[in-house]
Amino acid sequence: MAPPAIGHNGGPPLDEELRVVTWQHYCWRKAHARAWKTPPREIALARLKRAEELGMSYRDYTAVVLDKGVLL
């Protein structure tokens, strides 16, 4: 198997048929769950309000915040 290409986030393949869980897959799933944990109510409402102002969904806006580390 070839190494991941530049820009790959190191996550598991998105194939639903993958049933083998490697240590890397386990760690990636735990980190993903921790990153997408529901924030406190005030933060979630502020993100929702800003996302609506920008015409984005809450999930898309939160993905940008988590990915880039900056507020739009």
C-alpha atoms as a PDB file:
ATOM      1  CA  MET A   1       0.000   0.000   0.000  1.00  0.00           C
ATOM      2  CA  ALA A   2       1.337   3.433  -0.954  1.00  0.00           C
ATOM      3  CA  PRO A   3       1.904   6.096   1.739  1.00  0.00           C
ATOM      4  CA  PRO A   4      -0.748   8.832   1.980  1.00  0.00           C
ATOM      5  CA  ALA A   5      -0.407  11.796  -0.374  1.00  0.00           C
ATOM      6  CA  ILE A   6       0.516  15.317   0.707  1.00  0.00           C
ATOM      7  CA  GLY A   7      -2.426  16.965   2.466  1.00  0.00           C
ATOM      8  CA  HIS A   8      -3.849  13.681   3.759  1.00  0.00           C
ATOM      9  CA  ASN A   9      -5.083  14.056   7.333  1.00  0.00           C
ATOM     10  CA  GLY A  10      -3.996  10.576   8.355  1.00  0.00           C
ATOM     11  CA  GLY A  11      -7.559   9.454   8.965  1.00  0.00           C
ATOM     12  CA  PRO A  12      -8.896   6.021   8.141  1.00  0.00           C
ATOM     13  CA  PRO A  13     -10.223   5.121   4.690  1.00  0.00           C
ATOM     14  CA  LEU A  14     -13.851   6.112   4.207  1.00  0.00           C
ATOM     15  CA  ASP A  15     -14.803   2.708   2.789  1.00  0.00           C
ATOM     16  CA  GLU A  16     -17.686   1.228   4.732  1.00  0.00           C
ATOM     17  CA  GLU A  17     -16.277  -2.270   4.150  1.00  0.00           C
ATOM     18  CA  LEU A  18     -13.272  -1.584   6.403  1.00  0.00           C
ATOM     19  CA  ARG A  19     -13.721  -3.742   9.489  1.00  0.00           C
ATOM     20  CA  VAL A  20     -10.094  -4.051  10.645  1.00  0.00           C
ATOM     21  CA  VAL A  21      -9.375  -1.524  13.366  1.00  0.00           C
ATOM     22  CA  THR A  22      -5.736  -0.521  13.637  1.00  0.00           C
ATOM     23  CA  TRP A  23      -4.175   1.488  16.437  1.00  0.00           C
ATOM     24  CA  GLN A  24      -3.967   4.522  14.112  1.00  0.00           C
ATOM     25  CA  HIS A  25      -7.663   4.146  13.255  1.00  0.00           C
ATOM     26  CA  TYR A  26      -8.562   3.916  16.939  1.00  0.00           C
ATOM     27  CA  CYS A  27      -6.525   7.043  17.810  1.00  0.00           C
ATOM     28  CA  TRP A  28      -7.971   8.964  14.864  1.00  0.00           C
ATOM     29  CA  ARG A  29     -11.548   8.090  15.892  1.00  0.00           C
ATOM     30  CA  LYS A  30     -10.898   9.175  19.498  1.00  0.00           C
ATOM     31  CA  ALA A  31      -9.351  12.487  18.371  1.00  0.00           C
ATOM     32  CA  HIS A  32     -12.228  13.100  15.951  1.00  0.00           C
ATOM     33  CA  ALA A  33     -14.799  12.477  18.683  1.00  0.00           C
ATOM     34  CA  ARG A  34     -12.921  14.764  21.095  1.00  0.00           C
ATOM     35  CA  ALA A  35     -12.696  17.570  18.510  1.00  0.00           C
ATOM     36  CA  TRP A  36     -16.407  17.365  17.665  1.00  0.00           C
ATOM     37  CA  LYS A  37     -17.555  17.137  21.292  1.00  0.00           C
ATOM     38  CA  THR A  38     -20.460  19.501  21.906  1.00  0.00           C
ATOM     39  CA  PRO A  39     -19.093  22.821  23.214  1.00  0.00           C
ATOM     40  CA  PRO A  40     -20.721  24.786  26.034  1.00  0.00           C
ATOM     41  CA  ARG A  41     -24.110  26.302  25.176  1.00  0.00           C
ATOM     42  CA  GLU A  42     -22.821  29.872  24.836  1.00  0.00           C
ATOM     43  CA  ILE A  43     -20.108  28.872  22.359  1.00  0.00           C
ATOM     44  CA  ALA A  44     -22.485  26.735  20.303  1.00  0.00           C
ATOM     45  CA  LEU A  45     -25.024  29.569  20.091  1.00  0.00           C
ATOM     46  CA  ALA A  46     -22.339  32.097  19.123  1.00  0.00           C
ATOM     47  CA  ARG A  47     -21.052  29.766  16.390  1.00  0.00           C
ATOM     48  CA  LEU A  48     -24.592  29.168  15.141  1.00  0.00           C
ATOM     49  CA  LYS A  49     -25.315  32.893  14.991  1.00  0.00           C
ATOM     50  CA  ARG A  50     -22.075  33.636  13.107  1.00  0.00           C
ATOM     51  CA  ALA A  51     -22.639  30.716  10.721  1.00  0.00           C
ATOM     52  CA  GLU A  52     -26.119  32.010   9.889  1.00  0.00           C
ATOM     53  CA  GLU A  53     -24.702  35.506   9.278  1.00  0.00           C
ATOM     54  CA  LEU A  54     -22.201  34.011   6.822  1.00  0.00           C
ATOM     55  CA  GLY A  55     -24.805  31.777   5.161  1.00  0.00           C
ATOM     56  CA  MET A  56     -23.101  28.579   6.309  1.00  0.00           C
ATOM     57  CA  SER A  57     -24.302  25.596   8.266  1.00  0.00           C
ATOM     58  CA  TYR A  58     -23.186  25.210  11.872  1.00  0.00           C
ATOM     59  CA  ARG A  59     -21.228  22.068  10.968  1.00  0.00           C
ATOM     60  CA  ASP A  60     -19.384  23.769   8.079  1.00  0.00           C
ATOM     61  CA  TYR A  61     -18.539  26.797  10.218  1.00  0.00           C
ATOM     62  CA  THR A  62     -17.332  24.622  13.091  1.00  0.00           C
ATOM     63  CA  ALA A  63     -15.215  22.562  10.678  1.00  0.00           C
ATOM     64  CA  VAL A  64     -13.444  25.734   9.531  1.00  0.00           C
ATOM     65  CA  VAL A  65     -12.886  26.866  13.119  1.00  0.00           C
ATOM     66  CA  LEU A  66     -11.472  23.466  14.105  1.00  0.00           C
ATOM     67  CA  ASP A  67      -9.346  23.194  10.956  1.00  0.00           C
ATOM     68  CA  LYS A  68      -7.861  26.697  10.809  1.00  0.00           C
ATOM     69  CA  GLY A  69      -8.100  27.708  14.461  1.00  0.00           C
ATOM     70  CA  VAL A  70      -9.523  31.141  13.615  1.00  0.00           C
ATOM     71  CA  LEU A  71     -12.989  32.631  13.697  1.00  0.00           C
ATOM     72  CA  LEU A  72     -14.379  33.827  10.380  1.00  0.00           C
END
